[in-house]
Structures are given as C-alpha cells and as structure tokens.
C-alpha cells in the first residue's frame, strides 16, 4: 500500500478504474498542515490498508483546485467505486479519518463539485 500522486490528466481516469473506497487529499508544499497530514498517512499506511490513498498537489494542479472549489488546504474527498461520494472533514488522526469515512459511506453520495 502506498500513496499515489495524481495530476489533472490522470485524475478522473485513474479514479474511475479504481475499485473500492478511495481518499483523495489536496496538499501544497508550503502548507504545514498538509505536511502533517501526509506524514500521518505515511506512518499509518497499515491502518488505511482498505482505502486507496491519492495525493494531489493543489499548487501544481490548478485545474483540479478550481474544479473542487478549494479555498483551504488540506482538503479530502471520498470516492467509492470511482464515483465521487463526498468531501471529508476530519482531524488529521487515523481514527478520526476512519470514523469520518465510515460515517460518510453510510450517507448517500453527493453530487460531484
């Protein structure tokens, strides 16, 4: 299990082909909270073994940043079977993110941004 980077050219195609639950998080190099979130994911990969993790550099991928109407970073989005499910709000702690994922998956999917 690893964190895979996505760019604007492979974003939709890759997610459409990825089964199960995927968590996409948007970061930026100068964002301290983003570095903290990434470090937490890297140190907790085994905890997230049932979730596909993807990272998008919001600074480099401005088209995706605009598509998802991002105003703050980091930002997390949940996908199921390649389809957008919801934005995810959670503290950058493994148990908090897993609880938010479970709660979001109990709700019907939202419309993609």
PDB file of N, CA and C in Angstrom:
ATOM      1  N   UNK A   1       0.852  -1.179   0.000  1.00  0.00           N
ATOM      2  CA  UNK A   1       0.000   0.000   0.000  1.00  0.00           C
ATOM      3  C   UNK A   1       0.890   1.232   0.000  1.00  0.00           C
ATOM      4  N   UNK A   2       0.509   2.196  -0.826  1.00  0.00           N
ATOM      5  CA  UNK A   2       1.271   3.435  -0.898  1.00  0.00           C
ATOM      6  C   UNK A   2       0.345   4.581  -1.259  1.00  0.00           C
ATOM      7  N   UNK A   3       0.862   5.780  -1.143  1.00  0.00           N
ATOM      8  CA  UNK A   3       0.123   6.972  -1.540  1.00  0.00           C
ATOM      9  C   UNK A   3       0.519   7.268  -2.978  1.00  0.00           C
ATOM     10  N   UNK A   4      -0.463   7.408  -3.827  1.00  0.00           N
ATOM     11  CA  UNK A   4      -0.185   7.661  -5.240  1.00  0.00           C
ATOM     12  C   UNK A   4      -0.515   9.108  -5.566  1.00  0.00           C
ATOM     13  N   UNK A   5       0.391   9.778  -6.245  1.00  0.00           N
ATOM     14  CA  UNK A   5       0.149  11.143  -6.691  1.00  0.00           C
ATOM     15  C   UNK A   5      -0.706  11.149  -7.947  1.00  0.00           C
ATOM     16  N   UNK A   6      -1.578  12.133  -8.050  1.00  0.00           N
ATOM     17  CA  UNK A   6      -2.424  12.280  -9.240  1.00  0.00           C
ATOM     18  C   UNK A   6      -2.247  13.670  -9.820  1.00  0.00           C
ATOM     19  N   UNK A   7      -2.264  13.756 -11.154  1.00  0.00           N
ATOM     20  CA  UNK A   7      -2.286  15.068 -11.805  1.00  0.00           C
ATOM     21  C   UNK A   7      -3.611  15.219 -12.539  1.00  0.00           C
ATOM     22  N   UNK A   8      -3.825  16.382 -13.102  1.00  0.00           N
ATOM     23  CA  UNK A   8      -5.113  16.678 -13.731  1.00  0.00           C
ATOM     24  C   UNK A   8      -5.412  15.798 -14.945  1.00  0.00           C
ATOM     25  N   UNK A   9      -4.385  15.255 -15.562  1.00  0.00           N
ATOM     26  CA  UNK A   9      -4.598  14.451 -16.756  1.00  0.00           C
ATOM     27  C   UNK A   9      -4.991  13.010 -16.448  1.00  0.00           C
ATOM     28  N   UNK A  10      -4.623  12.516 -15.284  1.00  0.00           N
ATOM     29  CA  UNK A  10      -4.945  11.134 -14.929  1.00  0.00           C
ATOM     30  C   UNK A  10      -5.987  11.029 -13.823  1.00  0.00           C
ATOM     31  N   UNK A  11      -6.372  12.138 -13.221  1.00  0.00           N
ATOM     32  CA  UNK A  11      -7.244  12.146 -12.055  1.00  0.00           C
ATOM     33  C   UNK A  11      -8.521  11.337 -12.276  1.00  0.00           C
ATOM     34  N   UNK A  12      -9.371  11.767 -13.197  1.00  0.00           N
ATOM     35  CA  UNK A  12     -10.676  11.127 -13.388  1.00  0.00           C
ATOM     36  C   UNK A  12     -10.537   9.710 -13.930  1.00  0.00           C
ATOM     37  N   UNK A  13      -9.631   9.510 -14.844  1.00  0.00           N
ATOM     38  CA  UNK A  13      -9.407   8.188 -15.439  1.00  0.00           C
ATOM     39  C   UNK A  13      -8.959   7.179 -14.380  1.00  0.00           C
ATOM     40  N   UNK A  14      -7.994   7.586 -13.561  1.00  0.00           N
ATOM     41  CA  UNK A  14      -7.467   6.682 -12.527  1.00  0.00           C
ATOM     42  C   UNK A  14      -8.541   6.344 -11.508  1.00  0.00           C
ATOM     43  N   UNK A  15      -9.269   7.350 -11.035  1.00  0.00           N
ATOM     44  CA  UNK A  15     -10.305   7.081 -10.033  1.00  0.00           C
ATOM     45  C   UNK A  15     -11.422   6.217 -10.606  1.00  0.00           C
ATOM     46  N   UNK A  16     -11.774   6.416 -11.863  1.00  0.00           N
ATOM     47  CA  UNK A  16     -12.824   5.611 -12.491  1.00  0.00           C
ATOM     48  C   UNK A  16     -12.435   4.138 -12.545  1.00  0.00           C
ATOM     49  N   UNK A  17     -11.139   3.863 -12.664  1.00  0.00           N
ATOM     50  CA  UNK A  17     -10.656   2.483 -12.758  1.00  0.00           C
ATOM     51  C   UNK A  17     -10.305   1.875 -11.398  1.00  0.00           C
ATOM     52  N   UNK A  18     -10.403   2.662 -10.344  1.00  0.00           N
ATOM     53  CA  UNK A  18     -10.026   2.184  -9.014  1.00  0.00           C
ATOM     54  C   UNK A  18     -11.264   1.750  -8.254  1.00  0.00           C
ATOM     55  N   UNK A  19     -11.347   0.475  -7.965  1.00  0.00           N
ATOM     56  CA  UNK A  19     -12.483  -0.045  -7.216  1.00  0.00           C
ATOM     57  C   UNK A  19     -12.342   0.211  -5.726  1.00  0.00           C
ATOM     58  N   UNK A  20     -13.433   0.024  -5.015  1.00  0.00           N
ATOM     59  CA  UNK A  20     -13.418   0.190  -3.568  1.00  0.00           C
ATOM     60  C   UNK A  20     -13.497   1.646  -3.159  1.00  0.00           C
ATOM     61  N   UNK A  21     -12.964   1.919  -1.989  1.00  0.00           N
ATOM     62  CA  UNK A  21     -13.003   3.258  -1.409  1.00  0.00           C
ATOM     63  C   UNK A  21     -11.666   3.952  -1.655  1.00  0.00           C
ATOM     64  N   UNK A  22     -11.744   5.187  -2.127  1.00  0.00           N
ATOM     65  CA  UNK A  22     -10.544   5.989  -2.369  1.00  0.00           C
ATOM     66  C   UNK A  22     -10.665   7.309  -1.632  1.00  0.00           C
ATOM     67  N   UNK A  23      -9.570   7.734  -1.062  1.00  0.00           N
ATOM     68  CA  UNK A  23      -9.496   9.019  -0.393  1.00  0.00           C
ATOM     69  C   UNK A  23      -8.463   9.862  -1.125  1.00  0.00           C
ATOM     70  N   UNK A  24      -8.911  10.998  -1.641  1.00  0.00           N
ATOM     71  CA  UNK A  24      -8.034  11.920  -2.356  1.00  0.00           C
ATOM     72  C   UNK A  24      -7.839  13.134  -1.475  1.00  0.00           C
ATOM     73  N   UNK A  25      -6.594  13.488  -1.224  1.00  0.00           N
ATOM     74  CA  UNK A  25      -6.359  14.699  -0.445  1.00  0.00           C
ATOM     75  C   UNK A  25      -5.480  15.655  -1.240  1.00  0.00           C
ATOM     76  N   UNK A  26      -5.836  16.927  -1.138  1.00  0.00           N
ATOM     77  CA  UNK A  26      -5.143  18.004  -1.831  1.00  0.00           C
ATOM     78  C   UNK A  26      -4.193  18.677  -0.845  1.00  0.00           C
ATOM     79  N   UNK A  27      -2.961  18.899  -1.278  1.00  0.00           N
ATOM     80  CA  UNK A  27      -1.934  19.495  -0.432  1.00  0.00           C
ATOM     81  C   UNK A  27      -1.184  20.565  -1.224  1.00  0.00           C
ATOM     82  N   UNK A  28      -0.264  21.229  -0.552  1.00  0.00           N
ATOM     83  CA  UNK A  28       0.648  22.177  -1.197  1.00  0.00           C
ATOM     84  C   UNK A  28       1.959  22.143  -0.423  1.00  0.00           C
ATOM     85  N   UNK A  29       3.082  22.329  -1.111  1.00  0.00           N
ATOM     86  CA  UNK A  29       4.383  22.242  -0.454  1.00  0.00           C
ATOM     87  C   UNK A  29       4.560  23.215   0.723  1.00  0.00           C
ATOM     88  N   UNK A  30       4.013  24.399   0.636  1.00  0.00           N
ATOM     89  CA  UNK A  30       4.201  25.401   1.691  1.00  0.00           C
ATOM     90  C   UNK A  30       3.190  25.285   2.827  1.00  0.00           C
ATOM     91  N   UNK A  31       2.313  24.316   2.771  1.00  0.00           N
ATOM     92  CA  UNK A  31       1.239  24.156   3.759  1.00  0.00           C
ATOM     93  C   UNK A  31       1.696  23.227   4.882  1.00  0.00           C
ATOM     94  N   UNK A  32       1.878  23.783   6.078  1.00  0.00           N
ATOM     95  CA  UNK A  32       2.319  22.980   7.215  1.00  0.00           C
ATOM     96  C   UNK A  32       1.326  21.906   7.601  1.00  0.00           C
ATOM     97  N   UNK A  33       0.034  22.235   7.593  1.00  0.00           N
ATOM     98  CA  UNK A  33      -0.997  21.245   7.928  1.00  0.00           C
ATOM     99  C   UNK A  33      -1.015  20.119   6.895  1.00  0.00           C
ATOM    100  N   UNK A  34      -0.709  20.457   5.644  1.00  0.00           N
ATOM    101  CA  UNK A  34      -0.653  19.439   4.587  1.00  0.00           C
ATOM    102  C   UNK A  34       0.493  18.465   4.826  1.00  0.00           C
ATOM    103  N   UNK A  35       1.647  18.996   5.226  1.00  0.00           N
ATOM    104  CA  UNK A  35       2.796  18.134   5.512  1.00  0.00           C
ATOM    105  C   UNK A  35       2.489  17.225   6.697  1.00  0.00           C
ATOM    106  N   UNK A  36       1.785  17.756   7.676  1.00  0.00           N
ATOM    107  CA  UNK A  36       1.399  16.963   8.842  1.00  0.00           C
ATOM    108  C   UNK A  36       0.453  15.830   8.435  1.00  0.00           C
ATOM    109  N   UNK A  37      -0.527  16.129   7.570  1.00  0.00           N
ATOM    110  CA  UNK A  37      -1.472  15.109   7.110  1.00  0.00           C
ATOM    111  C   UNK A  37      -0.743  14.023   6.326  1.00  0.00           C
ATOM    112  N   UNK A  38       0.136  14.430   5.419  1.00  0.00           N
ATOM    113  CA  UNK A  38       0.880  13.456   4.620  1.00  0.00           C
ATOM    114  C   UNK A  38       1.743  12.559   5.514  1.00  0.00           C
ATOM    115  N   UNK A  39       2.417  13.145   6.494  1.00  0.00           N
ATOM    116  CA  UNK A  39       3.247  12.362   7.408  1.00  0.00           C
ATOM    117  C   UNK A  39       2.394  11.358   8.177  1.00  0.00           C
ATOM    118  N   UNK A  40       1.209  11.781   8.606  1.00  0.00           N
ATOM    119  CA  UNK A  40       0.319  10.867   9.326  1.00  0.00           C
ATOM    120  C   UNK A  40      -0.061   9.696   8.428  1.00  0.00           C
ATOM    121  N   UNK A  41      -0.425   9.977   7.165  1.00  0.00           N
ATOM    122  CA  UNK A  41      -0.771   8.893   6.240  1.00  0.00           C
ATOM    123  C   UNK A  41       0.427   7.964   6.029  1.00  0.00           C
ATOM    124  N   UNK A  42       1.615   8.540   5.810  1.00  0.00           N
ATOM    125  CA  UNK A  42       2.802   7.716   5.569  1.00  0.00           C
ATOM    126  C   UNK A  42       3.112   6.803   6.753  1.00  0.00           C
ATOM    127  N   UNK A  43       2.921   7.295   7.967  1.00  0.00           N
ATOM    128  CA  UNK A  43       3.225   6.500   9.159  1.00  0.00           C
ATOM    129  C   UNK A  43       2.096   5.556   9.538  1.00  0.00           C
ATOM    130  N   UNK A  44       0.947   5.677   8.897  1.00  0.00           N
ATOM    131  CA  UNK A  44      -0.227   4.871   9.262  1.00  0.00           C
ATOM    132  C   UNK A  44      -0.781   4.099   8.073  1.00  0.00           C
ATOM    133  N   UNK A  45       0.041   3.794   7.098  1.00  0.00           N
ATOM    134  CA  UNK A  45      -0.446   3.122   5.889  1.00  0.00           C
ATOM    135  C   UNK A  45      -1.183   1.823   6.203  1.00  0.00           C
ATOM    136  N   UNK A  46      -0.699   1.070   7.183  1.00  0.00           N
ATOM    137  CA  UNK A  46      -1.357  -0.202   7.505  1.00  0.00           C
ATOM    138  C   UNK A  46      -2.767   0.020   8.051  1.00  0.00           C
ATOM    139  N   UNK A  47      -3.001   1.129   8.724  1.00  0.00           N
ATOM    140  CA  UNK A  47      -4.337   1.451   9.254  1.00  0.00           C
ATOM    141  C   UNK A  47      -5.317   1.717   8.110  1.00  0.00           C
ATOM    142  N   UNK A  48      -4.802   2.279   7.020  1.00  0.00           N
ATOM    143  CA  UNK A  48      -5.636   2.631   5.867  1.00  0.00           C
ATOM    144  C   UNK A  48      -5.549   1.585   4.753  1.00  0.00           C
ATOM    145  N   UNK A  49      -5.210   0.361   5.098  1.00  0.00           N
ATOM    146  CA  UNK A  49      -4.985  -0.674   4.088  1.00  0.00           C
ATOM    147  C   UNK A  49      -6.203  -0.954   3.211  1.00  0.00           C
ATOM    148  N   UNK A  50      -7.400  -0.696   3.685  1.00  0.00           N
ATOM    149  CA  UNK A  50      -8.598  -0.930   2.882  1.00  0.00           C
ATOM    150  C   UNK A  50      -9.032   0.267   2.060  1.00  0.00           C
ATOM    151  N   UNK A  51      -8.222   1.328   2.070  1.00  0.00           N
ATOM    152  CA  UNK A  51      -8.569   2.564   1.367  1.00  0.00           C
ATOM    153  C   UNK A  51      -7.440   2.916   0.412  1.00  0.00           C
ATOM    154  N   UNK A  52      -7.796   3.242  -0.818  1.00  0.00           N
ATOM    155  CA  UNK A  52      -6.815   3.716  -1.790  1.00  0.00           C
ATOM    156  C   UNK A  52      -6.529   5.184  -1.484  1.00  0.00           C
ATOM    157  N   UNK A  53      -5.259   5.530  -1.293  1.00  0.00           N
ATOM    158  CA  UNK A  53      -4.885   6.900  -0.960  1.00  0.00           C
ATOM    159  C   UNK A  53      -4.242   7.587  -2.162  1.00  0.00           C
ATOM    160  N   UNK A  54      -4.735   8.787  -2.463  1.00  0.00           N
ATOM    161  CA  UNK A  54      -4.216   9.578  -3.570  1.00  0.00           C
ATOM    162  C   UNK A  54      -3.947  10.996  -3.089  1.00  0.00           C
ATOM    163  N   UNK A  55      -2.857  11.580  -3.567  1.00  0.00           N
ATOM    164  CA  UNK A  55      -2.494  12.949  -3.210  1.00  0.00           C
ATOM    165  C   UNK A  55      -2.442  13.807  -4.473  1.00  0.00           C
ATOM    166  N   UNK A  56      -2.958  15.024  -4.360  1.00  0.00           N
ATOM    167  CA  UNK A  56      -2.912  15.989  -5.460  1.00  0.00           C
ATOM    168  C   UNK A  56      -2.207  17.242  -4.946  1.00  0.00           C
ATOM    169  N   UNK A  57      -1.204  17.698  -5.668  1.00  0.00           N
ATOM    170  CA  UNK A  57      -0.527  18.952  -5.344  1.00  0.00           C
ATOM    171  C   UNK A  57      -1.393  20.085  -5.892  1.00  0.00           C
ATOM    172  N   UNK A  58      -2.100  20.762  -5.012  1.00  0.00           N
ATOM    173  CA  UNK A  58      -3.053  21.799  -5.425  1.00  0.00           C
ATOM    174  C   UNK A  58      -2.364  22.969  -6.110  1.00  0.00           C
ATOM    175  N   UNK A  59      -1.147  23.224  -5.731  1.00  0.00           N
ATOM    176  CA  UNK A  59      -0.407  24.327  -6.335  1.00  0.00           C
ATOM    177  C   UNK A  59      -0.080  24.033  -7.795  1.00  0.00           C
ATOM    178  N   UNK A  60       0.313  22.809  -8.077  1.00  0.00           N
ATOM    179  CA  UNK A  60       0.670  22.408  -9.430  1.00  0.00           C
ATOM    180  C   UNK A  60      -0.547  22.094 -10.287  1.00  0.00           C
ATOM    181  N   UNK A  61      -1.605  21.565  -9.667  1.00  0.00           N
ATOM    182  CA  UNK A  61      -2.785  21.109 -10.408  1.00  0.00           C
ATOM    183  C   UNK A  61      -3.948  22.089 -10.221  1.00  0.00           C
ATOM    184  N   UNK A  62      -3.765  23.303 -10.730  1.00  0.00           N
ATOM    185  CA  UNK A  62      -4.758  24.362 -10.513  1.00  0.00           C
ATOM    186  C   UNK A  62      -6.110  24.049 -11.148  1.00  0.00           C
ATOM    187  N   UNK A  63      -6.141  23.279 -12.221  1.00  0.00           N
ATOM    188  CA  UNK A  63      -7.429  22.923 -12.836  1.00  0.00           C
ATOM    189  C   UNK A  63      -8.274  22.101 -11.862  1.00  0.00           C
ATOM    190  N   UNK A  64      -7.647  21.156 -11.162  1.00  0.00           N
ATOM    191  CA  UNK A  64      -8.380  20.357 -10.169  1.00  0.00           C
ATOM    192  C   UNK A  64      -8.755  21.199  -8.961  1.00  0.00           C
ATOM    193  N   UNK A  65      -7.881  22.111  -8.576  1.00  0.00           N
ATOM    194  CA  UNK A  65      -8.171  23.014  -7.464  1.00  0.00           C
ATOM    195  C   UNK A  65      -9.426  23.820  -7.765  1.00  0.00           C
ATOM    196  N   UNK A  66      -9.543  24.305  -8.983  1.00  0.00           N
ATOM    197  CA  UNK A  66     -10.745  25.064  -9.382  1.00  0.00           C
ATOM    198  C   UNK A  66     -11.958  24.152  -9.488  1.00  0.00           C
ATOM    199  N   UNK A  67     -11.775  22.972 -10.030  1.00  0.00           N
ATOM    200  CA  UNK A  67     -12.899  22.034 -10.180  1.00  0.00           C
ATOM    201  C   UNK A  67     -13.533  21.696  -8.826  1.00  0.00           C
ATOM    202  N   UNK A  68     -12.705  21.543  -7.816  1.00  0.00           N
ATOM    203  CA  UNK A  68     -13.206  21.181  -6.487  1.00  0.00           C
ATOM    204  C   UNK A  68     -13.450  22.405  -5.596  1.00  0.00           C
ATOM    205  N   UNK A  69     -13.351  23.593  -6.180  1.00  0.00           N
ATOM    206  CA  UNK A  69     -13.627  24.847  -5.461  1.00  0.00           C
ATOM    207  C   UNK A  69     -12.882  24.918  -4.135  1.00  0.00           C
ATOM    208  N   UNK A  70     -11.594  24.659  -4.174  1.00  0.00           N
ATOM    209  CA  UNK A  70     -10.806  24.628  -2.942  1.00  0.00           C
ATOM    210  C   UNK A  70     -10.436  26.032  -2.478  1.00  0.00           C
ATOM    211  N   UNK A  71     -10.707  26.289  -1.210  1.00  0.00           N
ATOM    212  CA  UNK A  71     -10.339  27.553  -0.592  1.00  0.00           C
ATOM    213  C   UNK A  71      -9.414  27.336   0.596  1.00  0.00           C
ATOM    214  N   UNK A  72      -9.273  26.095   1.020  1.00  0.00           N
ATOM    215  CA  UNK A  72      -8.399  25.777   2.145  1.00  0.00           C
ATOM    216  C   UNK A  72      -7.731  24.432   1.891  1.00  0.00           C
ATOM    217  N   UNK A  73      -6.571  24.297   2.491  1.00  0.00           N
ATOM    218  CA  UNK A  73      -5.821  23.047   2.398  1.00  0.00           C
ATOM    219  C   UNK A  73      -5.418  22.621   3.800  1.00  0.00           C
ATOM    220  N   UNK A  74      -5.236  21.362   4.045  1.00  0.00           N
ATOM    221  CA  UNK A  74      -5.534  20.264   3.127  1.00  0.00           C
ATOM    222  C   UNK A  74      -7.039  20.053   2.997  1.00  0.00           C
ATOM    223  N   UNK A  75      -7.419  19.433   1.908  1.00  0.00           N
ATOM    224  CA  UNK A  75      -8.822  19.091   1.668  1.00  0.00           C
ATOM    225  C   UNK A  75      -8.879  17.620   1.258  1.00  0.00           C
ATOM    226  N   UNK A  76      -9.900  16.915   1.757  1.00  0.00           N
ATOM    227  CA  UNK A  76     -10.026  15.483   1.468  1.00  0.00           C
ATOM    228  C   UNK A  76     -11.378  15.206   0.812  1.00  0.00           C
ATOM    229  N   UNK A  77     -11.353  14.305  -0.157  1.00  0.00           N
ATOM    230  CA  UNK A  77     -12.567  13.919  -0.873  1.00  0.00           C
ATOM    231  C   UNK A  77     -12.637  12.399  -0.947  1.00  0.00           C
ATOM    232  N   UNK A  78     -13.833  11.888  -0.749  1.00  0.00           N
ATOM    233  CA  UNK A  78     -14.063  10.452  -0.701  1.00  0.00           C
ATOM    234  C   UNK A  78     -14.731   9.993  -2.001  1.00  0.00           C
ATOM    235  N   UNK A  79     -14.214   8.899  -2.546  1.00  0.00           N
ATOM    236  CA  UNK A  79     -14.768   8.285  -3.746  1.00  0.00           C
ATOM    237  C   UNK A  79     -15.068   6.825  -3.418  1.00  0.00           C
ATOM    238  N   UNK A  80     -16.112   6.289  -4.057  1.00  0.00           N
ATOM    239  CA  UNK A  80     -16.442   4.868  -3.894  1.00  0.00           C
ATOM    240  C   UNK A  80     -16.682   4.295  -5.283  1.00  0.00           C
ATOM    241  N   UNK A  81     -15.976   3.226  -5.580  1.00  0.00           N
ATOM    242  CA  UNK A  81     -16.064   2.583  -6.898  1.00  0.00           C
ATOM    243  C   UNK A  81     -15.859   3.605  -8.021  1.00  0.00           C
ATOM    244  N   UNK A  82     -14.937   4.536  -7.801  1.00  0.00           N
ATOM    245  CA  UNK A  82     -14.589   5.523  -8.818  1.00  0.00           C
ATOM    246  C   UNK A  82     -15.511   6.710  -8.914  1.00  0.00           C
ATOM    247  N   UNK A  83     -16.588   6.714  -8.144  1.00  0.00           N
ATOM    248  CA  UNK A  83     -17.565   7.811  -8.186  1.00  0.00           C
ATOM    249  C   UNK A  83     -17.380   8.721  -6.980  1.00  0.00           C
ATOM    250  N   UNK A  84     -17.508  10.030  -7.204  1.00  0.00           N
ATOM    251  CA  UNK A  84     -17.419  10.983  -6.106  1.00  0.00           C
ATOM    252  C   UNK A  84     -18.478  10.648  -5.067  1.00  0.00           C
ATOM    253  N   UNK A  85     -18.102  10.688  -3.794  1.00  0.00           N
ATOM    254  CA  UNK A  85     -19.061  10.419  -2.727  1.00  0.00           C
ATOM    255  C   UNK A  85     -19.308  11.668  -1.874  1.00  0.00           C
ATOM    256  N   UNK A  86     -18.229  12.271  -1.356  1.00  0.00           N
ATOM    257  CA  UNK A  86     -18.402  13.466  -0.527  1.00  0.00           C
ATOM    258  C   UNK A  86     -17.058  14.084  -0.177  1.00  0.00           C
ATOM    259  N   UNK A  87     -17.119  15.326   0.290  1.00  0.00           N
ATOM    260  CA  UNK A  87     -15.947  15.933   0.904  1.00  0.00           C
ATOM    261  C   UNK A  87     -15.852  15.351   2.306  1.00  0.00           C
ATOM    262  N   UNK A  88     -14.654  15.237   2.809  1.00  0.00           N
ATOM    263  CA  UNK A  88     -14.453  14.630   4.122  1.00  0.00           C
ATOM    264  C   UNK A  88     -13.825  15.647   5.065  1.00  0.00           C
ATOM    265  N   UNK A  89     -14.437  15.812   6.219  1.00  0.00           N
ATOM    266  CA  UNK A  89     -13.913  16.703   7.255  1.00  0.00           C
ATOM    267  C   UNK A  89     -13.499  15.846   8.443  1.00  0.00           C
ATOM    268  N   UNK A  90     -12.239  15.940   8.838  1.00  0.00           N
ATOM    269  CA  UNK A  90     -11.765  15.159   9.988  1.00  0.00           C
ATOM    270  C   UNK A  90     -10.435  15.715  10.459  1.00  0.00           C
ATOM    271  N   UNK A  91     -10.161  15.499  11.739  1.00  0.00           N
ATOM    272  CA  UNK A  91      -8.846  15.833  12.277  1.00  0.00           C
ATOM    273  C   UNK A  91      -7.817  14.932  11.598  1.00  0.00           C
ATOM    274  N   UNK A  92      -6.580  15.379  11.498  1.00  0.00           N
ATOM    275  CA  UNK A  92      -5.551  14.555  10.846  1.00  0.00           C
ATOM    276  C   UNK A  92      -5.027  13.439  11.751  1.00  0.00           C
ATOM    277  N   UNK A  93      -5.954  12.619  12.222  1.00  0.00           N
ATOM    278  CA  UNK A  93      -5.625  11.467  13.059  1.00  0.00           C
ATOM    279  C   UNK A  93      -6.250  10.229  12.429  1.00  0.00           C
ATOM    280  N   UNK A  94      -5.537   9.107  12.415  1.00  0.00           N
ATOM    281  CA  UNK A  94      -6.072   7.911  11.746  1.00  0.00           C
ATOM    282  C   UNK A  94      -7.480   7.540  12.192  1.00  0.00           C
ATOM    283  N   UNK A  95      -7.730   7.475  13.504  1.00  0.00           N
ATOM    284  CA  UNK A  95      -9.056   7.061  13.969  1.00  0.00           C
ATOM    285  C   UNK A  95     -10.132   8.069  13.565  1.00  0.00           C
ATOM    286  N   UNK A  96      -9.803   9.359  13.553  1.00  0.00           N
ATOM    287  CA  UNK A  96     -10.782  10.380  13.180  1.00  0.00           C
ATOM    288  C   UNK A  96     -11.120  10.292  11.689  1.00  0.00           C
ATOM    289  N   UNK A  97     -10.121  10.061  10.864  1.00  0.00           N
ATOM    290  CA  UNK A  97     -10.361   9.949   9.419  1.00  0.00           C
ATOM    291  C   UNK A  97     -11.144   8.682   9.112  1.00  0.00           C
ATOM    292  N   UNK A  98     -10.784   7.569   9.736  1.00  0.00           N
ATOM    293  CA  UNK A  98     -11.530   6.322   9.507  1.00  0.00           C
ATOM    294  C   UNK A  98     -12.981   6.456   9.960  1.00  0.00           C
ATOM    295  N   UNK A  99     -13.224   7.130  11.075  1.00  0.00           N
ATOM    296  CA  UNK A  99     -14.600   7.350  11.548  1.00  0.00           C
ATOM    297  C   UNK A  99     -15.366   8.233  10.580  1.00  0.00           C
ATOM    298  N   UNK A 100     -14.714   9.266  10.042  1.00  0.00           N
ATOM    299  CA  UNK A 100     -15.368  10.150   9.073  1.00  0.00           C
ATOM    300  C   UNK A 100     -15.684   9.412   7.777  1.00  0.00           C
ATOM    301  N   UNK A 101     -14.778   8.545   7.343  1.00  0.00           N
ATOM    302  CA  UNK A 101     -15.015   7.734   6.138  1.00  0.00           C
ATOM    303  C   UNK A 101     -16.221   6.825   6.361  1.00  0.00           C
ATOM    304  N   UNK A 102     -16.247   6.128   7.494  1.00  0.00           N
ATOM    305  CA  UNK A 102     -17.358   5.212   7.787  1.00  0.00           C
ATOM    306  C   UNK A 102     -18.679   5.967   7.844  1.00  0.00           C
ATOM    307  N   UNK A 103     -18.702   7.124   8.493  1.00  0.00           N
ATOM    308  CA  UNK A 103     -19.934   7.914   8.590  1.00  0.00           C
ATOM    309  C   UNK A 103     -20.369   8.410   7.217  1.00  0.00           C
ATOM    310  N   UNK A 104     -19.431   8.855   6.394  1.00  0.00           N
ATOM    311  CA  UNK A 104     -19.760   9.358   5.057  1.00  0.00           C
ATOM    312  C   UNK A 104     -20.316   8.247   4.173  1.00  0.00           C
ATOM    313  N   UNK A 105     -19.758   7.046   4.295  1.00  0.00           N
ATOM    314  CA  UNK A 105     -20.212   5.938   3.457  1.00  0.00           C
ATOM    315  C   UNK A 105     -21.612   5.455   3.840  1.00  0.00           C
ATOM    316  N   UNK A 106     -22.073   5.789   5.037  1.00  0.00           N
ATOM    317  CA  UNK A 106     -23.440   5.448   5.435  1.00  0.00           C
ATOM    318  C   UNK A 106     -24.470   6.388   4.812  1.00  0.00           C
ATOM    319  N   UNK A 107     -24.002   7.535   4.322  1.00  0.00           N
ATOM    320  CA  UNK A 107     -24.879   8.521   3.697  1.00  0.00           C
ATOM    321  C   UNK A 107     -24.901   8.306   2.184  1.00  0.00           C
ATOM    322  N   UNK A 108     -25.967   8.767   1.536  1.00  0.00           N
ATOM    323  CA  UNK A 108     -25.986   8.674   0.068  1.00  0.00           C
ATOM    324  C   UNK A 108     -24.911   9.576  -0.548  1.00  0.00           C
ATOM    325  N   UNK A 109     -24.426   9.216  -1.720  1.00  0.00           N
ATOM    326  CA  UNK A 109     -23.407  10.043  -2.372  1.00  0.00           C
ATOM    327  C   UNK A 109     -23.938  11.436  -2.675  1.00  0.00           C
ATOM    328  N   UNK A 110     -23.028  12.385  -2.694  1.00  0.00           N
ATOM    329  CA  UNK A 110     -23.369  13.758  -3.032  1.00  0.00           C
ATOM    330  C   UNK A 110     -23.041  13.989  -4.507  1.00  0.00           C
ATOM    331  N   UNK A 111     -23.509  15.099  -5.012  1.00  0.00           N
ATOM    332  CA  UNK A 111     -23.186  15.480  -6.380  1.00  0.00           C
ATOM    333  C   UNK A 111     -21.740  15.955  -6.424  1.00  0.00           C
ATOM    334  N   UNK A 112     -21.020  15.578  -7.447  1.00  0.00           N
ATOM    335  CA  UNK A 112     -19.622  15.987  -7.579  1.00  0.00           C
ATOM    336  C   UNK A 112     -19.543  17.493  -7.750  1.00  0.00           C
ATOM    337  N   UNK A 113     -18.464  18.080  -7.224  1.00  0.00           N
ATOM    338  CA  UNK A 113     -18.311  19.537  -7.371  1.00  0.00           C
ATOM    339  C   UNK A 113     -18.164  19.934  -8.832  1.00  0.00           C
TER     340      UNK A 113
END
